[in-house]
Amino acid sequence: MNAMTQTWVRVGSLNDIPRRGARCVKSGEMSIAIFRTADDRVFALEDKCPHRNGPLSQGIVHDGCVTCPLHNWVISLETGKAQGADEGQTLSIPVRLDGDEVILGLGVSK
């Protein structure tokens, strides 16, 4: 039987991310935006809006969403899905906190 497990990588401290803001890390060629809400929830998305690949990390974080700075698309931080009438989705990355340490789920291993 092959058991697949998530590979977790520590990427920094919660205090490295401003409230209602984001910080980016790289995983291979992908840039990942790690977001912190006003109530200290943490989410991670590929730093690319599904509309025109705008940098979501530079957007405004509000109400569990981020608004893309290029064309004002609103993206759910939880799912990566565009909200309202817009359609599309960006990759959502598993993220968790261990105390104040931010840990990303970057792929699976056997």
PDB file of N, CA and C in Angstrom:
ATOM      1  N   MET A   1       0.840  -1.175   0.000  1.00  0.00           N
ATOM      2  CA  MET A   1       0.000   0.000   0.000  1.00  0.00           C
ATOM      3  C   MET A   1       0.887   1.242   0.000  1.00  0.00           C
ATOM      4  N   ASN A   2       0.596   2.196  -0.885  1.00  0.00           N
ATOM      5  CA  ASN A   2       1.343   3.450  -0.949  1.00  0.00           C
ATOM      6  C   ASN A   2       0.590   4.534  -0.192  1.00  0.00           C
ATOM      7  N   ALA A   3       1.177   5.023   0.878  1.00  0.00           N
ATOM      8  CA  ALA A   3       0.561   6.110   1.639  1.00  0.00           C
ATOM      9  C   ALA A   3       1.193   7.424   1.195  1.00  0.00           C
ATOM     10  N   MET A   4       0.357   8.382   0.805  1.00  0.00           N
ATOM     11  CA  MET A   4       0.847   9.685   0.402  1.00  0.00           C
ATOM     12  C   MET A   4       0.680  10.644   1.581  1.00  0.00           C
ATOM     13  N   THR A   5       1.723  11.396   1.893  1.00  0.00           N
ATOM     14  CA  THR A   5       1.645  12.359   2.974  1.00  0.00           C
ATOM     15  C   THR A   5       2.059  13.729   2.463  1.00  0.00           C
ATOM     16  N   GLN A   6       1.483  14.762   3.056  1.00  0.00           N
ATOM     17  CA  GLN A   6       1.787  16.138   2.698  1.00  0.00           C
ATOM     18  C   GLN A   6       3.206  16.476   3.166  1.00  0.00           C
ATOM     19  N   THR A   7       3.978  17.163   2.338  1.00  0.00           N
ATOM     20  CA  THR A   7       5.295  17.660   2.726  1.00  0.00           C
ATOM     21  C   THR A   7       5.119  19.082   3.237  1.00  0.00           C
ATOM     22  N   TRP A   8       5.451  19.309   4.510  1.00  0.00           N
ATOM     23  CA  TRP A   8       5.278  20.613   5.138  1.00  0.00           C
ATOM     24  C   TRP A   8       6.619  21.318   5.261  1.00  0.00           C
ATOM     25  N   VAL A   9       6.649  22.598   4.884  1.00  0.00           N
ATOM     26  CA  VAL A   9       7.884  23.382   4.887  1.00  0.00           C
ATOM     27  C   VAL A   9       7.668  24.667   5.680  1.00  0.00           C
ATOM     28  N   ARG A  10       8.529  24.908   6.657  1.00  0.00           N
ATOM     29  CA  ARG A  10       8.472  26.154   7.438  1.00  0.00           C
ATOM     30  C   ARG A  10       8.996  27.292   6.568  1.00  0.00           C
ATOM     31  N   VAL A  11       8.231  28.386   6.507  1.00  0.00           N
ATOM     32  CA  VAL A  11       8.617  29.489   5.620  1.00  0.00           C
ATOM     33  C   VAL A  11       8.788  30.824   6.341  1.00  0.00           C
ATOM     34  N   GLY A  12       8.583  30.852   7.644  1.00  0.00           N
ATOM     35  CA  GLY A  12       8.781  32.103   8.375  1.00  0.00           C
ATOM     36  C   GLY A  12       7.829  32.236   9.537  1.00  0.00           C
ATOM     37  N   SER A  13       7.794  33.433  10.082  1.00  0.00           N
ATOM     38  CA  SER A  13       6.988  33.737  11.253  1.00  0.00           C
ATOM     39  C   SER A  13       5.724  34.499  10.868  1.00  0.00           C
ATOM     40  N   LEU A  14       4.673  34.304  11.633  1.00  0.00           N
ATOM     41  CA  LEU A  14       3.445  35.061  11.424  1.00  0.00           C
ATOM     42  C   LEU A  14       3.733  36.560  11.479  1.00  0.00           C
ATOM     43  N   ASN A  15       4.654  36.955  12.342  1.00  0.00           N
ATOM     44  CA  ASN A  15       4.981  38.378  12.485  1.00  0.00           C
ATOM     45  C   ASN A  15       5.692  38.958  11.266  1.00  0.00           C
ATOM     46  N   ASP A  16       6.149  38.110  10.350  1.00  0.00           N
ATOM     47  CA  ASP A  16       6.755  38.585   9.098  1.00  0.00           C
ATOM     48  C   ASP A  16       5.698  39.084   8.114  1.00  0.00           C
ATOM     49  N   ILE A  17       4.436  38.746   8.376  1.00  0.00           N
ATOM     50  CA  ILE A  17       3.334  39.097   7.467  1.00  0.00           C
ATOM     51  C   ILE A  17       2.493  40.179   8.136  1.00  0.00           C
ATOM     52  N   PRO A  18       2.343  41.336   7.519  1.00  0.00           N
ATOM     53  CA  PRO A  18       1.513  42.376   8.145  1.00  0.00           C
ATOM     54  C   PRO A  18       0.038  41.973   8.162  1.00  0.00           C
ATOM     55  N   ARG A  19      -0.675  42.403   9.199  1.00  0.00           N
ATOM     56  CA  ARG A  19      -2.125  42.163   9.223  1.00  0.00           C
ATOM     57  C   ARG A  19      -2.738  42.825   7.999  1.00  0.00           C
ATOM     58  N   ARG A  20      -3.679  42.099   7.363  1.00  0.00           N
ATOM     59  CA  ARG A  20      -4.341  42.533   6.129  1.00  0.00           C
ATOM     60  C   ARG A  20      -3.321  42.781   5.015  1.00  0.00           C
ATOM     61  N   GLY A  21      -2.285  41.935   5.004  1.00  0.00           N
ATOM     62  CA  GLY A  21      -1.250  42.046   3.982  1.00  0.00           C
ATOM     63  C   GLY A  21      -0.740  40.682   3.578  1.00  0.00           C
ATOM     64  N   ALA A  22       0.383  40.687   2.856  1.00  0.00           N
ATOM     65  CA  ALA A  22       0.943  39.430   2.337  1.00  0.00           C
ATOM     66  C   ALA A  22       2.452  39.507   2.236  1.00  0.00           C
ATOM     67  N   ARG A  23       3.063  38.349   2.168  1.00  0.00           N
ATOM     68  CA  ARG A  23       4.483  38.179   1.868  1.00  0.00           C
ATOM     69  C   ARG A  23       4.582  37.036   0.869  1.00  0.00           C
ATOM     70  N   CYS A  24       5.629  37.051   0.054  1.00  0.00           N
ATOM     71  CA  CYS A  24       5.799  36.011  -0.963  1.00  0.00           C
ATOM     72  C   CYS A  24       6.985  35.117  -0.659  1.00  0.00           C
ATOM     73  N   VAL A  25       6.855  33.852  -1.045  1.00  0.00           N
ATOM     74  CA  VAL A  25       7.951  32.891  -1.029  1.00  0.00           C
ATOM     75  C   VAL A  25       7.948  32.185  -2.382  1.00  0.00           C
ATOM     76  N   LYS A  26       9.057  31.601  -2.744  1.00  0.00           N
ATOM     77  CA  LYS A  26       9.169  30.859  -3.999  1.00  0.00           C
ATOM     78  C   LYS A  26       9.201  29.367  -3.697  1.00  0.00           C
ATOM     79  N   SER A  27       8.551  28.621  -4.574  1.00  0.00           N
ATOM     80  CA  SER A  27       8.634  27.164  -4.560  1.00  0.00           C
ATOM     81  C   SER A  27       8.890  26.761  -6.003  1.00  0.00           C
ATOM     82  N   GLY A  28      10.134  26.480  -6.324  1.00  0.00           N
ATOM     83  CA  GLY A  28      10.496  26.234  -7.714  1.00  0.00           C
ATOM     84  C   GLY A  28      10.269  27.502  -8.510  1.00  0.00           C
ATOM     85  N   GLU A  29       9.499  27.408  -9.583  1.00  0.00           N
ATOM     86  CA  GLU A  29       9.185  28.567 -10.422  1.00  0.00           C
ATOM     87  C   GLU A  29       7.963  29.337  -9.918  1.00  0.00           C
ATOM     88  N   MET A  30       7.229  28.759  -8.964  1.00  0.00           N
ATOM     89  CA  MET A  30       5.995  29.378  -8.502  1.00  0.00           C
ATOM     90  C   MET A  30       6.242  30.362  -7.365  1.00  0.00           C
ATOM     91  N   SER A  31       5.602  31.520  -7.464  1.00  0.00           N
ATOM     92  CA  SER A  31       5.594  32.495  -6.376  1.00  0.00           C
ATOM     93  C   SER A  31       4.306  32.271  -5.585  1.00  0.00           C
ATOM     94  N   ILE A  32       4.435  32.151  -4.271  1.00  0.00           N
ATOM     95  CA  ILE A  32       3.296  31.895  -3.396  1.00  0.00           C
ATOM     96  C   ILE A  32       3.114  33.102  -2.485  1.00  0.00           C
ATOM     97  N   ALA A  33       1.902  33.641  -2.472  1.00  0.00           N
ATOM     98  CA  ALA A  33       1.561  34.746  -1.585  1.00  0.00           C
ATOM     99  C   ALA A  33       0.931  34.172  -0.321  1.00  0.00           C
ATOM    100  N   ILE A  34       1.486  34.551   0.823  1.00  0.00           N
ATOM    101  CA  ILE A  34       0.946  34.126   2.108  1.00  0.00           C
ATOM    102  C   ILE A  34       0.254  35.342   2.720  1.00  0.00           C
ATOM    103  N   PHE A  35      -1.043  35.212   2.976  1.00  0.00           N
ATOM    104  CA  PHE A  35      -1.866  36.316   3.446  1.00  0.00           C
ATOM    105  C   PHE A  35      -2.195  36.158   4.924  1.00  0.00           C
ATOM    106  N   ARG A  36      -2.294  37.292   5.607  1.00  0.00           N
ATOM    107  CA  ARG A  36      -2.706  37.332   7.012  1.00  0.00           C
ATOM    108  C   ARG A  36      -3.912  38.278   7.117  1.00  0.00           C
ATOM    109  N   THR A  37      -4.982  37.781   7.689  1.00  0.00           N
ATOM    110  CA  THR A  37      -6.179  38.601   7.846  1.00  0.00           C
ATOM    111  C   THR A  37      -6.084  39.439   9.124  1.00  0.00           C
ATOM    112  N   ALA A  38      -7.038  40.324   9.313  1.00  0.00           N
ATOM    113  CA  ALA A  38      -7.062  41.185  10.492  1.00  0.00           C
ATOM    114  C   ALA A  38      -7.168  40.375  11.780  1.00  0.00           C
ATOM    115  N   ASP A  39      -7.784  39.178  11.697  1.00  0.00           N
ATOM    116  CA  ASP A  39      -7.929  38.330  12.880  1.00  0.00           C
ATOM    117  C   ASP A  39      -6.900  37.189  12.903  1.00  0.00           C
ATOM    118  N   ASP A  40      -5.779  37.394  12.201  1.00  0.00           N
ATOM    119  CA  ASP A  40      -4.616  36.492  12.223  1.00  0.00           C
ATOM    120  C   ASP A  40      -4.842  35.112  11.613  1.00  0.00           C
ATOM    121  N   ARG A  41      -5.837  34.976  10.738  1.00  0.00           N
ATOM    122  CA  ARG A  41      -5.938  33.741   9.951  1.00  0.00           C
ATOM    123  C   ARG A  41      -4.923  33.858   8.816  1.00  0.00           C
ATOM    124  N   VAL A  42      -4.391  32.719   8.386  1.00  0.00           N
ATOM    125  CA  VAL A  42      -3.346  32.705   7.362  1.00  0.00           C
ATOM    126  C   VAL A  42      -3.789  31.821   6.196  1.00  0.00           C
ATOM    127  N   PHE A  43      -3.576  32.324   4.982  1.00  0.00           N
ATOM    128  CA  PHE A  43      -3.930  31.611   3.756  1.00  0.00           C
ATOM    129  C   PHE A  43      -2.784  31.742   2.772  1.00  0.00           C
ATOM    130  N   ALA A  44      -2.693  30.814   1.830  1.00  0.00           N
ATOM    131  CA  ALA A  44      -1.654  30.878   0.802  1.00  0.00           C
ATOM    132  C   ALA A  44      -2.263  30.573  -0.562  1.00  0.00           C
ATOM    133  N   LEU A  45      -1.926  31.418  -1.526  1.00  0.00           N
ATOM    134  CA  LEU A  45      -2.380  31.263  -2.905  1.00  0.00           C
ATOM    135  C   LEU A  45      -1.199  31.463  -3.837  1.00  0.00           C
ATOM    136  N   GLU A  46      -1.264  30.841  -5.011  1.00  0.00           N
ATOM    137  CA  GLU A  46      -0.287  31.196  -6.034  1.00  0.00           C
ATOM    138  C   GLU A  46      -0.466  32.691  -6.293  1.00  0.00           C
ATOM    139  N   ASP A  47       0.636  33.417  -6.397  1.00  0.00           N
ATOM    140  CA  ASP A  47       0.591  34.879  -6.511  1.00  0.00           C
ATOM    141  C   ASP A  47       0.252  35.293  -7.939  1.00  0.00           C
ATOM    142  N   LYS A  48      -0.918  34.839  -8.397  1.00  0.00           N
ATOM    143  CA  LYS A  48      -1.306  35.075  -9.784  1.00  0.00           C
ATOM    144  C   LYS A  48      -2.825  35.090  -9.880  1.00  0.00           C
ATOM    145  N   CYS A  49      -3.390  36.245 -10.202  1.00  0.00           N
ATOM    146  CA  CYS A  49      -4.836  36.364 -10.374  1.00  0.00           C
ATOM    147  C   CYS A  49      -5.266  35.524 -11.579  1.00  0.00           C
ATOM    148  N   PRO A  50      -6.406  34.831 -11.491  1.00  0.00           N
ATOM    149  CA  PRO A  50      -6.850  34.017 -12.627  1.00  0.00           C
ATOM    150  C   PRO A  50      -7.290  34.851 -13.836  1.00  0.00           C
ATOM    151  N   HIS A  51      -7.449  36.141 -13.662  1.00  0.00           N
ATOM    152  CA  HIS A  51      -7.902  36.993 -14.764  1.00  0.00           C
ATOM    153  C   HIS A  51      -6.759  37.320 -15.717  1.00  0.00           C
ATOM    154  N   ARG A  52      -5.763  38.064 -15.236  1.00  0.00           N
ATOM    155  CA  ARG A  52      -4.641  38.476 -16.085  1.00  0.00           C
ATOM    156  C   ARG A  52      -3.291  38.297 -15.382  1.00  0.00           C
ATOM    157  N   ASN A  53      -3.235  37.346 -14.446  1.00  0.00           N
ATOM    158  CA  ASN A  53      -2.006  37.005 -13.725  1.00  0.00           C
ATOM    159  C   ASN A  53      -1.464  38.140 -12.870  1.00  0.00           C
ATOM    160  N   GLY A  54      -2.325  39.040 -12.423  1.00  0.00           N
ATOM    161  CA  GLY A  54      -1.897  40.133 -11.547  1.00  0.00           C
ATOM    162  C   GLY A  54      -1.342  39.609 -10.238  1.00  0.00           C
ATOM    163  N   PRO A  55      -0.449  40.370  -9.597  1.00  0.00           N
ATOM    164  CA  PRO A  55       0.178  39.945  -8.332  1.00  0.00           C
ATOM    165  C   PRO A  55      -0.776  40.108  -7.150  1.00  0.00           C
ATOM    166  N   LEU A  56      -1.421  39.045  -6.751  1.00  0.00           N
ATOM    167  CA  LEU A  56      -2.382  39.110  -5.650  1.00  0.00           C
ATOM    168  C   LEU A  56      -1.736  39.592  -4.354  1.00  0.00           C
ATOM    169  N   SER A  57      -0.448  39.333  -4.176  1.00  0.00           N
ATOM    170  CA  SER A  57       0.249  39.757  -2.963  1.00  0.00           C
ATOM    171  C   SER A  57       0.240  41.271  -2.796  1.00  0.00           C
ATOM    172  N   GLN A  58       0.005  42.008  -3.866  1.00  0.00           N
ATOM    173  CA  GLN A  58      -0.029  43.465  -3.808  1.00  0.00           C
ATOM    174  C   GLN A  58      -1.456  43.998  -3.691  1.00  0.00           C
ATOM    175  N   GLY A  59      -2.420  43.086  -3.543  1.00  0.00           N
ATOM    176  CA  GLY A  59      -3.822  43.474  -3.449  1.00  0.00           C
ATOM    177  C   GLY A  59      -4.237  43.844  -2.040  1.00  0.00           C
ATOM    178  N   ILE A  60      -5.496  44.211  -1.907  1.00  0.00           N
ATOM    179  CA  ILE A  60      -6.069  44.597  -0.622  1.00  0.00           C
ATOM    180  C   ILE A  60      -6.765  43.384  -0.007  1.00  0.00           C
ATOM    181  N   VAL A  61      -6.393  43.048   1.236  1.00  0.00           N
ATOM    182  CA  VAL A  61      -6.973  41.916   1.961  1.00  0.00           C
ATOM    183  C   VAL A  61      -8.159  42.418   2.776  1.00  0.00           C
ATOM    184  N   HIS A  62      -9.318  41.767   2.602  1.00  0.00           N
ATOM    185  CA  HIS A  62     -10.541  42.180   3.301  1.00  0.00           C
ATOM    186  C   HIS A  62     -11.532  41.023   3.334  1.00  0.00           C
ATOM    187  N   ASP A  63     -12.224  40.878   4.438  1.00  0.00           N
ATOM    188  CA  ASP A  63     -13.349  39.937   4.552  1.00  0.00           C
ATOM    189  C   ASP A  63     -13.059  38.543   3.993  1.00  0.00           C
ATOM    190  N   GLY A  64     -11.886  37.986   4.266  1.00  0.00           N
ATOM    191  CA  GLY A  64     -11.555  36.648   3.777  1.00  0.00           C
ATOM    192  C   GLY A  64     -11.245  36.593   2.298  1.00  0.00           C
ATOM    193  N   CYS A  65     -10.983  37.752   1.692  1.00  0.00           N
ATOM    194  CA  CYS A  65     -10.692  37.831   0.256  1.00  0.00           C
ATOM    195  C   CYS A  65      -9.511  38.764   0.022  1.00  0.00           C
ATOM    196  N   VAL A  66      -9.012  38.741  -1.219  1.00  0.00           N
ATOM    197  CA  VAL A  66      -8.020  39.717  -1.667  1.00  0.00           C
ATOM    198  C   VAL A  66      -8.532  40.287  -2.980  1.00  0.00           C
ATOM    199  N   THR A  67      -8.378  41.599  -3.145  1.00  0.00           N
ATOM    200  CA  THR A  67      -8.770  42.256  -4.387  1.00  0.00           C
ATOM    201  C   THR A  67      -7.521  42.490  -5.217  1.00  0.00           C
ATOM    202  N   CYS A  68      -7.507  41.958  -6.431  1.00  0.00           N
ATOM    203  CA  CYS A  68      -6.363  42.081  -7.325  1.00  0.00           C
ATOM    204  C   CYS A  68      -6.116  43.564  -7.624  1.00  0.00           C
ATOM    205  N   PRO A  69      -4.853  43.995  -7.587  1.00  0.00           N
ATOM    206  CA  PRO A  69      -4.547  45.404  -7.819  1.00  0.00           C
ATOM    207  C   PRO A  69      -4.690  45.835  -9.279  1.00  0.00           C
ATOM    208  N   LEU A  70      -4.780  44.906 -10.217  1.00  0.00           N
ATOM    209  CA  LEU A  70      -4.841  45.290 -11.625  1.00  0.00           C
ATOM    210  C   LEU A  70      -6.247  45.611 -12.114  1.00  0.00           C
ATOM    211  N   HIS A  71      -7.199  44.717 -11.841  1.00  0.00           N
ATOM    212  CA  HIS A  71      -8.546  44.894 -12.401  1.00  0.00           C
ATOM    213  C   HIS A  71      -9.652  44.679 -11.371  1.00  0.00           C
ATOM    214  N   ASN A  72      -9.282  44.711 -10.096  1.00  0.00           N
ATOM    215  CA  ASN A  72     -10.252  44.649  -8.988  1.00  0.00           C
ATOM    216  C   ASN A  72     -11.042  43.355  -8.891  1.00  0.00           C
ATOM    217  N   TRP A  73     -10.525  42.259  -9.429  1.00  0.00           N
ATOM    218  CA  TRP A  73     -11.184  40.983  -9.196  1.00  0.00           C
ATOM    219  C   TRP A  73     -11.027  40.635  -7.718  1.00  0.00           C
ATOM    220  N   VAL A  74     -12.063  40.066  -7.129  1.00  0.00           N
ATOM    221  CA  VAL A  74     -12.043  39.658  -5.729  1.00  0.00           C
ATOM    222  C   VAL A  74     -11.888  38.141  -5.682  1.00  0.00           C
ATOM    223  N   ILE A  75     -10.843  37.691  -4.963  1.00  0.00           N
ATOM    224  CA  ILE A  75     -10.491  36.270  -4.904  1.00  0.00           C
ATOM    225  C   ILE A  75     -10.614  35.782  -3.458  1.00  0.00           C
ATOM    226  N   SER A  76     -11.288  34.656  -3.260  1.00  0.00           N
ATOM    227  CA  SER A  76     -11.412  34.054  -1.929  1.00  0.00           C
ATOM    228  C   SER A  76     -10.044  33.566  -1.461  1.00  0.00           C
ATOM    229  N   LEU A  77      -9.650  33.960  -0.249  1.00  0.00           N
ATOM    230  CA  LEU A  77      -8.378  33.477   0.295  1.00  0.00           C
ATOM    231  C   LEU A  77      -8.454  31.993   0.637  1.00  0.00           C
ATOM    232  N   GLU A  78      -9.631  31.510   0.972  1.00  0.00           N
ATOM    233  CA  GLU A  78      -9.800  30.111   1.367  1.00  0.00           C
ATOM    234  C   GLU A  78      -9.745  29.160   0.181  1.00  0.00           C
ATOM    235  N   THR A  79     -10.395  29.527  -0.920  1.00  0.00           N
ATOM    236  CA  THR A  79     -10.522  28.603  -2.051  1.00  0.00           C
ATOM    237  C   THR A  79      -9.733  29.018  -3.296  1.00  0.00           C
ATOM    238  N   GLY A  80      -9.382  30.300  -3.402  1.00  0.00           N
ATOM    239  CA  GLY A  80      -8.732  30.807  -4.608  1.00  0.00           C
ATOM    240  C   GLY A  80      -9.702  31.134  -5.723  1.00  0.00           C
ATOM    241  N   LYS A  81     -11.010  30.974  -5.478  1.00  0.00           N
ATOM    242  CA  LYS A  81     -12.020  31.215  -6.512  1.00  0.00           C
ATOM    243  C   LYS A  81     -12.375  32.696  -6.608  1.00  0.00           C
ATOM    244  N   ALA A  82     -12.599  33.140  -7.852  1.00  0.00           N
ATOM    245  CA  ALA A  82     -13.088  34.490  -8.094  1.00  0.00           C
ATOM    246  C   ALA A  82     -14.499  34.603  -7.540  1.00  0.00           C
ATOM    247  N   GLN A  83     -14.827  35.762  -7.000  1.00  0.00           N
ATOM    248  CA  GLN A  83     -16.121  36.000  -6.382  1.00  0.00           C
ATOM    249  C   GLN A  83     -17.028  36.800  -7.317  1.00  0.00           C
ATOM    250  N   GLY A  84     -18.307  36.821  -6.996  1.00  0.00           N
ATOM    251  CA  GLY A  84     -19.266  37.595  -7.776  1.00  0.00           C
ATOM    252  C   GLY A  84     -19.450  37.021  -9.165  1.00  0.00           C
ATOM    253  N   ALA A  85     -19.570  37.907 -10.149  1.00  0.00           N
ATOM    254  CA  ALA A  85     -19.822  37.490 -11.531  1.00  0.00           C
ATOM    255  C   ALA A  85     -18.560  36.989 -12.236  1.00  0.00           C
ATOM    256  N   ASP A  86     -17.389  37.255 -11.651  1.00  0.00           N
ATOM    257  CA  ASP A  86     -16.136  36.826 -12.283  1.00  0.00           C
ATOM    258  C   ASP A  86     -15.947  35.323 -12.124  1.00  0.00           C
ATOM    259  N   GLU A  87     -15.267  34.721 -13.104  1.00  0.00           N
ATOM    260  CA  GLU A  87     -15.031  33.282 -13.068  1.00  0.00           C
ATOM    261  C   GLU A  87     -13.555  32.988 -13.216  1.00  0.00           C
ATOM    262  N   GLY A  88     -13.095  32.003 -12.472  1.00  0.00           N
ATOM    263  CA  GLY A  88     -11.698  31.581 -12.511  1.00  0.00           C
ATOM    264  C   GLY A  88     -11.239  31.219 -11.117  1.00  0.00           C
ATOM    265  N   GLN A  89     -10.073  30.629 -11.044  1.00  0.00           N
ATOM    266  CA  GLN A  89      -9.540  30.193  -9.757  1.00  0.00           C
ATOM    267  C   GLN A  89      -8.027  30.161  -9.822  1.00  0.00           C
ATOM    268  N   THR A  90      -7.394  30.557  -8.728  1.00  0.00           N
ATOM    269  CA  THR A  90      -5.959  30.425  -8.597  1.00  0.00           C
ATOM    270  C   THR A  90      -5.674  29.297  -7.611  1.00  0.00           C
ATOM    271  N   LEU A  91      -4.495  28.742  -7.681  1.00  0.00           N
ATOM    272  CA  LEU A  91      -4.130  27.601  -6.841  1.00  0.00           C
ATOM    273  C   LEU A  91      -4.072  27.999  -5.370  1.00  0.00           C
ATOM    274  N   SER A  92      -4.770  27.243  -4.539  1.00  0.00           N
ATOM    275  CA  SER A  92      -4.735  27.420  -3.086  1.00  0.00           C
ATOM    276  C   SER A  92      -3.727  26.429  -2.508  1.00  0.00           C
ATOM    277  N   ILE A  93      -2.864  26.913  -1.639  1.00  0.00           N
ATOM    278  CA  ILE A  93      -1.807  26.093  -1.044  1.00  0.00           C
ATOM    279  C   ILE A  93      -2.173  25.819   0.417  1.00  0.00           C
ATOM    280  N   PRO A  94      -2.087  24.568   0.883  1.00  0.00           N
ATOM    281  CA  PRO A  94      -2.350  24.298   2.299  1.00  0.00           C
ATOM    282  C   PRO A  94      -1.355  25.053   3.187  1.00  0.00           C
ATOM    283  N   VAL A  95      -1.865  25.640   4.254  1.00  0.00           N
ATOM    284  CA  VAL A  95      -1.012  26.390   5.177  1.00  0.00           C
ATOM    285  C   VAL A  95      -1.520  26.167   6.593  1.00  0.00           C
ATOM    286  N   ARG A  96      -0.589  26.160   7.531  1.00  0.00           N
ATOM    287  CA  ARG A  96      -0.964  26.016   8.937  1.00  0.00           C
ATOM    288  C   ARG A  96       0.033  26.785   9.795  1.00  0.00           C
ATOM    289  N   LEU A  97      -0.352  27.002  11.027  1.00  0.00           N
ATOM    290  CA  LEU A  97       0.526  27.647  11.995  1.00  0.00           C
ATOM    291  C   LEU A  97       0.950  26.635  13.046  1.00  0.00           C
ATOM    292  N   ASP A  98       2.215  26.704  13.427  1.00  0.00           N
ATOM    293  CA  ASP A  98       2.737  25.938  14.561  1.00  0.00           C
ATOM    294  C   ASP A  98       3.284  26.992  15.512  1.00  0.00           C
ATOM    295  N   GLY A  99       2.455  27.399  16.466  1.00  0.00           N
ATOM    296  CA  GLY A  99       2.795  28.565  17.283  1.00  0.00           C
ATOM    297  C   GLY A  99       2.745  29.785  16.364  1.00  0.00           C
ATOM    298  N   ASP A 100       3.880  30.469  16.219  1.00  0.00           N
ATOM    299  CA  ASP A 100       3.965  31.621  15.315  1.00  0.00           C
ATOM    300  C   ASP A 100       4.626  31.269  13.988  1.00  0.00           C
ATOM    301  N   GLU A 101       5.005  30.013  13.798  1.00  0.00           N
ATOM    302  CA  GLU A 101       5.670  29.595  12.567  1.00  0.00           C
ATOM    303  C   GLU A 101       4.653  29.261  11.482  1.00  0.00           C
ATOM    304  N   VAL A 102       4.870  29.825  10.290  1.00  0.00           N
ATOM    305  CA  VAL A 102       4.010  29.557   9.133  1.00  0.00           C
ATOM    306  C   VAL A 102       4.577  28.364   8.377  1.00  0.00           C
ATOM    307  N   ILE A 103       3.723  27.388   8.105  1.00  0.00           N
ATOM    308  CA  ILE A 103       4.163  26.157   7.440  1.00  0.00           C
ATOM    309  C   ILE A 103       3.262  25.907   6.238  1.00  0.00           C
ATOM    310  N   LEU A 104       3.889  25.723   5.066  1.00  0.00           N
ATOM    311  CA  LEU A 104       3.156  25.473   3.822  1.00  0.00           C
ATOM    312  C   LEU A 104       3.196  23.997   3.462  1.00  0.00           C
ATOM    313  N   GLY A 105       2.107  23.509   2.887  1.00  0.00           N
ATOM    314  CA  GLY A 105       2.044  22.164   2.349  1.00  0.00           C
ATOM    315  C   GLY A 105       2.443  22.216   0.872  1.00  0.00           C
ATOM    316  N   LEU A 106       3.663  21.809   0.592  1.00  0.00           N
ATOM    317  CA  LEU A 106       4.205  21.918  -0.756  1.00  0.00           C
ATOM    318  C   LEU A 106       4.385  20.561  -1.402  1.00  0.00           C
ATOM    319  N   GLY A 107       3.285  19.963  -1.822  1.00  0.00           N
ATOM    320  CA  GLY A 107       3.363  18.688  -2.511  1.00  0.00           C
ATOM    321  C   GLY A 107       3.199  17.512  -1.571  1.00  0.00           C
ATOM    322  N   VAL A 108       3.294  16.327  -2.147  1.00  0.00           N
ATOM    323  CA  VAL A 108       3.128  15.102  -1.384  1.00  0.00           C
ATOM    324  C   VAL A 108       4.336  14.204  -1.588  1.00  0.00           C
ATOM    325  N   SER A 109       4.573  13.358  -0.621  1.00  0.00           N
ATOM    326  CA  SER A 109       5.644  12.373  -0.728  1.00  0.00           C
ATOM    327  C   SER A 109       5.092  11.012  -0.342  1.00  0.00           C
ATOM    328  N   LYS A 110       5.770   9.976  -0.802  1.00  0.00           N
ATOM    329  CA  LYS A 110       5.331   8.602  -0.485  1.00  0.00           C
ATOM    330  C   LYS A 110       5.935   8.154   0.811  1.00  0.00           C
TER     331      LYS A 110
END
